[in-house]
Protein backbone atom coordinates (compact mmCIF):
# COMPACT_ATOMS: atom_id res chain seq x y z
CA MET A 1 90.71 102.61 122.14
CA PRO A 2 88.98 102.71 125.24
CA ASP A 3 90.49 101.61 128.51
CA PRO A 4 90.38 97.73 127.92
CA THR A 5 90.00 96.97 131.35
CA GLN A 6 86.26 98.59 131.08
CA ASP A 7 83.97 96.39 129.87
CA VAL A 8 80.59 98.27 128.48
CA THR A 9 77.43 96.60 128.97
CA VAL A 10 75.01 97.01 126.25
CA ALA A 11 71.39 96.24 125.71
CA ASP A 12 70.04 92.85 126.82
CA GLY A 13 72.91 91.63 129.09
CA VAL A 14 75.16 92.12 125.95
CA VAL A 15 78.86 93.25 127.00
CA LEU A 16 81.19 95.04 125.03
CA ARG A 17 84.66 94.83 125.36
CA PRO A 18 88.26 94.59 123.20
CA MET A 19 88.68 91.87 120.85
CA THR A 20 91.74 89.61 121.31
CA ALA A 21 93.20 87.22 118.83
CA ALA A 22 91.72 84.31 121.45
CA ASP A 23 88.31 85.67 119.72
CA LEU A 24 89.18 84.90 116.27
CA PRO A 25 87.83 81.23 115.95
CA GLN A 26 84.77 83.01 117.13
CA THR A 27 84.39 85.97 115.21
CA HIS A 28 85.44 83.73 112.24
CA ALA A 29 82.07 81.57 113.15
CA LEU A 30 80.11 84.62 113.12
CA SER A 31 81.29 85.59 109.50
CA ALA A 32 80.33 82.07 108.60
CA GLU A 33 76.55 82.07 110.14
CA LEU A 34 76.03 84.97 107.56
CA ARG A 35 77.77 82.98 104.89
CA TRP A 36 80.52 85.36 104.24
CA PRO A 37 83.50 83.70 102.61
CA HIS A 38 86.39 84.51 104.99
CA ARG A 39 88.88 81.98 105.92
CA PRO A 40 90.35 81.71 109.37
CA ALA A 41 93.52 83.00 107.42
CA ASP A 42 91.76 86.01 106.35
CA TRP A 43 90.69 86.88 109.61
CA GLU A 44 94.41 86.77 111.04
CA GLN A 45 95.51 88.84 108.36
CA ALA A 46 93.01 91.56 108.66
CA PHE A 47 93.35 91.60 112.72
CA ALA A 48 97.02 91.62 112.41
CA HIS A 49 96.75 95.43 111.46
CA ALA A 50 93.30 96.03 113.82
CA GLU A 51 92.04 97.26 116.83
CA GLY A 52 88.53 95.81 117.30
CA PHE A 53 85.41 95.05 119.69
CA VAL A 54 83.21 92.38 120.36
CA ALA A 55 80.26 91.93 122.22
CA GLU A 56 78.95 88.74 124.60
CA ARG A 57 76.18 87.73 126.01
CA ASP A 58 76.42 84.89 128.60
CA GLY A 59 80.10 84.33 127.35
CA GLU A 60 79.28 84.04 123.97
CA ILE A 61 80.28 86.37 121.37
CA VAL A 62 77.26 88.21 119.37
CA ALA A 63 78.97 90.82 117.31
CA THR A 64 82.27 92.18 116.29
CA ALA A 65 83.67 94.77 114.69
CA GLN A 66 87.27 96.22 113.58
CA ARG A 67 88.88 99.66 112.41
CA TRP A 68 92.47 100.02 111.44
CA ARG A 69 94.38 103.17 111.67
CA TRP A 70 96.40 104.46 108.94
CA GLY A 71 98.97 107.02 109.62
CA GLU A 72 97.55 109.78 112.09
CA ARG A 73 94.47 110.98 109.95
CA HIS A 74 92.96 107.97 108.43
CA ALA A 75 91.03 104.64 109.28
CA THR A 76 88.67 102.30 107.96
CA ILE A 77 86.00 100.49 109.46
CA GLY A 78 84.90 96.82 108.49
CA LEU A 79 83.87 93.17 109.43
CA VAL A 80 80.93 94.66 111.24
CA ILE A 81 78.68 91.58 112.33
CA VAL A 82 76.08 91.19 114.65
CA THR A 83 74.23 87.65 114.81
CA PRO A 84 70.65 87.51 113.66
CA ALA A 85 69.60 86.51 116.69
CA CYS A 86 70.76 90.14 118.26
CA GLN A 87 70.05 92.60 115.23
CA GLY A 88 67.84 95.52 115.93
CA ARG A 89 68.80 95.77 119.59
CA ARG A 90 71.48 98.59 118.87
CA VAL A 91 74.51 96.33 119.43
CA GLY A 92 75.82 97.53 116.01
CA HIS A 93 75.22 100.95 117.06
CA ARG A 94 77.35 100.65 120.37
CA LEU A 95 80.15 98.78 118.40
CA MET A 96 80.63 101.34 115.84
CA SER A 97 80.03 104.27 118.72
CA ALA A 98 83.00 102.46 120.57
CA LEU A 99 85.28 102.09 117.09
CA LEU A 100 84.62 105.83 116.67
CA GLU A 101 85.78 106.87 119.66
CA GLY A 102 89.18 109.18 119.18
CA LEU A 103 88.62 109.15 115.73
CA ASP A 104 86.87 112.71 115.32
CA ALA A 105 90.14 114.34 113.79
CA HIS A 106 90.21 111.15 111.22
CA THR A 107 88.90 110.49 107.84
CA VAL A 108 87.14 107.22 107.98
CA LEU A 109 85.96 105.11 105.32
CA LEU A 110 83.94 102.19 105.15
CA HIS A 111 82.00 99.97 102.36
CA ALA A 112 78.30 99.92 103.71
CA THR A 113 75.86 97.01 102.80
CA ALA A 114 72.29 98.11 102.13
CA ALA A 115 71.04 97.17 105.88
CA GLY A 116 73.69 98.95 107.27
CA GLN A 117 73.65 102.05 105.36
CA GLY A 118 71.01 104.01 107.88
CA LEU A 119 73.32 103.38 110.83
CA TYR A 120 76.32 104.94 109.15
CA GLU A 121 74.56 108.11 107.94
CA ARG A 122 73.21 108.67 111.61
CA LEU A 123 76.67 108.21 112.59
CA GLY A 124 77.87 111.01 110.06
CA PHE A 125 78.98 109.21 107.38
CA VAL A 126 78.01 110.27 103.83
CA ARG A 127 77.87 108.16 100.55
CA THR A 128 80.90 109.20 98.12
CA GLY A 129 80.40 106.25 95.74
CA GLU A 130 80.12 102.55 95.15
CA VAL A 131 82.14 99.29 95.03
CA ARG A 132 81.01 96.35 92.68
CA GLN A 133 82.05 93.08 93.91
CA HIS A 134 82.58 90.64 90.54
CA GLN A 135 83.73 86.70 91.01
CA GLY A 136 83.24 83.56 89.42
CA ILE A 137 85.44 81.07 87.52
CA ALA A 138 88.09 83.17 85.76
CA LEU A 139 88.48 82.85 82.00
CA SER A 140 91.53 83.51 80.03
CA ALA A 141 91.44 87.18 79.30
CA PRO A 142 92.95 88.49 76.10
CA LEU A 143 96.30 90.40 76.78
CA VAL A 144 95.74 94.34 76.91
CA GLU A 145 98.05 95.93 74.19
CA LEU A 146 100.25 98.55 76.18
CA PRO A 147 101.59 101.94 74.50
CA PRO A 148 104.91 102.16 73.57
CA GLU A 149 107.66 101.98 76.51
CA TRP A 150 104.94 100.32 78.99
CA ARG A 151 105.51 96.76 80.03
CA LEU A 152 103.99 94.49 82.81
CA ARG A 153 106.96 92.46 85.01
CA PRO A 154 106.74 90.87 88.30
CA ALA A 155 107.34 92.72 91.56
CA GLY A 156 110.95 93.02 92.66
CA LEU A 157 112.17 92.28 96.27
CA ASN A 158 112.95 95.95 96.57
CA GLU A 159 110.08 97.38 95.44
CA THR A 160 108.00 97.63 98.39
CA PRO A 161 108.65 101.37 99.24
CA ALA A 162 107.64 102.36 95.42
CA LEU A 163 104.17 100.09 95.61
CA CYS A 164 103.58 101.57 99.06
CA ALA A 165 103.74 105.18 97.58
CA LEU A 166 101.28 104.23 95.07
CA ASP A 167 99.07 102.76 97.37
CA ALA A 168 98.90 106.00 99.31
CA ALA A 169 98.68 108.16 96.40
CA ALA A 170 95.78 106.20 95.15
CA ARG A 171 93.82 105.35 98.32
CA GLY A 172 94.61 108.56 99.77
CA MET A 173 95.94 107.05 103.00
CA PRO A 174 98.98 105.81 104.23
CA ARG A 175 99.01 102.15 104.37
CA ASP A 176 102.65 100.55 104.59
CA ALA A 177 102.25 97.91 106.95
CA LEU A 178 99.61 96.40 105.34
CA VAL A 179 100.94 96.86 101.34
CA ALA A 180 104.05 94.94 102.66
CA ASP A 181 102.03 92.22 104.66
CA LEU A 182 100.13 91.59 101.29
CA LEU A 183 102.90 91.77 99.19
CA ALA A 184 104.94 88.93 101.35
CA SER A 185 101.75 86.37 101.29
CA ALA A 186 100.45 87.36 97.50
CA GLU A 187 100.86 84.28 95.06
CA ALA A 188 101.57 87.26 92.32
CA CYS A 189 102.19 90.63 92.27
CA VAL A 190 102.66 92.19 88.44
CA VAL A 191 103.74 96.02 87.91
CA LEU A 192 103.15 98.38 85.37
CA ASP A 193 106.71 99.96 84.17
CA HIS A 194 107.29 103.02 82.09
CA ASP A 195 110.93 103.89 81.65
CA ASN A 196 112.07 101.70 84.40
CA ALA A 197 109.84 103.13 86.93
CA ALA A 198 106.85 101.35 88.91
CA ARG A 199 103.51 103.32 87.48
CA GLY A 200 100.81 100.67 89.11
CA PHE A 201 100.65 97.49 90.19
CA ALA A 202 98.40 94.65 90.99
CA MET A 203 98.22 91.52 93.22
CA LEU A 204 96.59 88.04 93.51
CA ARG A 205 96.03 86.82 96.82
CA ARG A 206 94.56 83.86 98.35
CA PHE A 207 90.87 84.71 99.88
CA GLY A 208 87.71 83.38 100.86
CA ARG A 209 86.51 80.78 98.21
CA GLY A 210 89.43 81.08 95.74
CA HIS A 211 91.44 84.09 94.80
CA LEU A 212 91.24 87.61 94.71
CA ILE A 213 92.84 90.09 93.03
CA GLY A 214 93.70 93.38 94.71
CA PRO A 215 94.59 95.90 95.40
CA VAL A 216 94.85 97.11 91.76
CA VAL A 217 96.35 100.63 91.14
CA ALA A 218 96.74 102.16 87.75
CA PRO A 219 97.55 105.54 86.02
CA ASP A 220 94.05 104.94 83.44
CA ALA A 221 91.71 101.79 82.53
CA THR A 222 94.24 100.92 80.15
CA GLY A 223 96.78 99.84 82.42
CA ALA A 224 94.44 98.66 84.97
CA LYS A 225 93.05 95.91 82.28
CA ALA A 226 96.69 95.11 81.29
CA LEU A 227 97.11 94.09 85.29
CA ILE A 228 94.28 92.67 86.00
CA ALA A 229 94.21 90.42 82.63
CA HIS A 230 97.33 89.40 83.53
CA LEU A 231 96.27 87.92 86.92
CA VAL A 232 92.97 86.32 85.44
CA GLY A 233 95.19 84.47 82.84
CA LEU A 234 97.42 83.25 86.27
CA SER A 235 94.16 82.38 87.80
CA SER A 236 92.20 81.06 84.91
CA GLY A 237 89.47 77.89 85.62
CA ASN A 238 89.65 78.81 89.64
CA PHE A 239 87.43 80.91 91.43
CA THR A 240 88.32 84.45 91.25
CA ARG A 241 87.20 87.60 93.23
CA ILE A 242 87.33 91.75 92.34
CA ASP A 243 86.03 94.42 94.12
CA ILE A 244 86.47 97.66 91.97
CA ASP A 245 85.50 101.07 92.01
CA PHE A 246 82.06 101.47 90.21
CA ALA A 247 83.35 104.69 88.52
CA SER A 248 86.50 102.69 86.95
CA GLY A 249 83.90 101.71 84.15
CA LEU A 250 85.45 98.53 84.34
CA ALA A 251 82.54 96.34 85.17
CA GLU A 252 81.23 95.28 81.86
CA TRP A 253 84.88 94.00 80.47
CA LEU A 254 84.96 92.21 83.91
CA GLU A 255 81.42 90.33 82.99
CA ASP A 256 83.22 89.18 79.63
CA VAL A 257 86.13 87.21 81.49
CA GLY A 258 83.69 85.73 83.72
CA LEU A 259 83.83 87.74 86.78
CA ARG A 260 80.28 88.25 87.02
CA ARG A 261 78.59 91.09 89.65
CA VAL A 262 77.34 89.92 92.97
CA ASP A 263 76.98 92.57 94.99
CA ALA A 264 77.31 96.55 94.89
CA PRO A 265 78.44 98.00 98.64
CA THR A 266 78.26 101.59 99.08
CA THR A 267 81.52 103.66 100.02
CA MET A 268 81.03 106.02 102.80
CA VAL A 269 83.38 108.52 104.65
CA ARG A 270 83.19 110.59 107.69
CA GLY A 271 85.16 113.87 107.77
CA THR A 272 87.41 115.38 105.35
CA PRO A 273 87.25 113.49 102.05
CA LEU A 274 90.21 111.57 100.82
CA ALA A 275 92.94 113.60 99.32
CA VAL A 276 93.82 111.82 95.80
CA ALA A 277 95.51 113.80 92.89
CA PRO A 278 93.47 114.04 89.96
CA ASP A 279 96.53 113.38 88.10
CA GLY A 280 97.96 110.72 90.32
CA PRO A 281 97.45 106.68 90.27
CA THR A 282 93.66 105.37 90.94
CA MET A 283 92.44 102.86 93.18
CA PHE A 284 90.85 100.68 90.54
CA ALA A 285 90.35 97.41 93.03
CA ILE A 286 90.52 97.40 96.65
CA VAL A 287 91.94 95.31 99.04
CA THR A 288 88.85 94.04 100.39
CA GLN A 289 85.85 95.83 101.40
CA ALA A 290 86.84 95.76 104.98
CA MET A 291 89.85 97.38 104.93
CA GLY A 292 89.40 99.80 101.70
């Protein structure tokens, strides 16, 4: 990050400075202004792993953005928000430029809205895919039959390293601290087991308007459906959200269990493409659009 003692003045008397935990109530208010569903607790959990900037005008926060560095070569960017009154004034461009400082050797992942995609392309990001946001009141999903010797079971207390390894292989970047945090706070975590070894997993967590299923890591679509169906059953009757990789082929199946598509952000990467083994586990559903 740039020296936090050096504020950067941008257009219209707006000042850019590093974000602190004391800013969270105001940044949460920015997201609420745009009708984003994040709770204060969601902001707190994201910021616990992040670095960020806020833009102030006359002592009021008018924009914010965060980045998460995973290891020495990877990062994600998200929660990029500019209040409507300041949009179109290059405040978002300056926030992004500040976040990208020092990341030239990194692979940087983000999920772009239609409004932000042009800015990200000008900053060197390229489209690599699409996320489909599905949500609604979850219905009881029929259980998915697994092949012999495959089963679902609760995650064990000592399985954090195994789940971290699965997440890193599927996402293409190491996020051990995040996965450990999510596991500690999840309402449920179910493991896809084969021959007494974890081959996939999925979490049910509180987020936004209700519950969120993610991440979901599995070796194939059948395993992913089995994991998701189990958690949908636990969340039946509650507002539930899941953000899937569109290439996963799960969209129609999710519609059948009451989770309708409501948004389709674009997945974009700057730098070396994420290294994901073709025969390894797959990230079927992400943590959040911000953290990837």
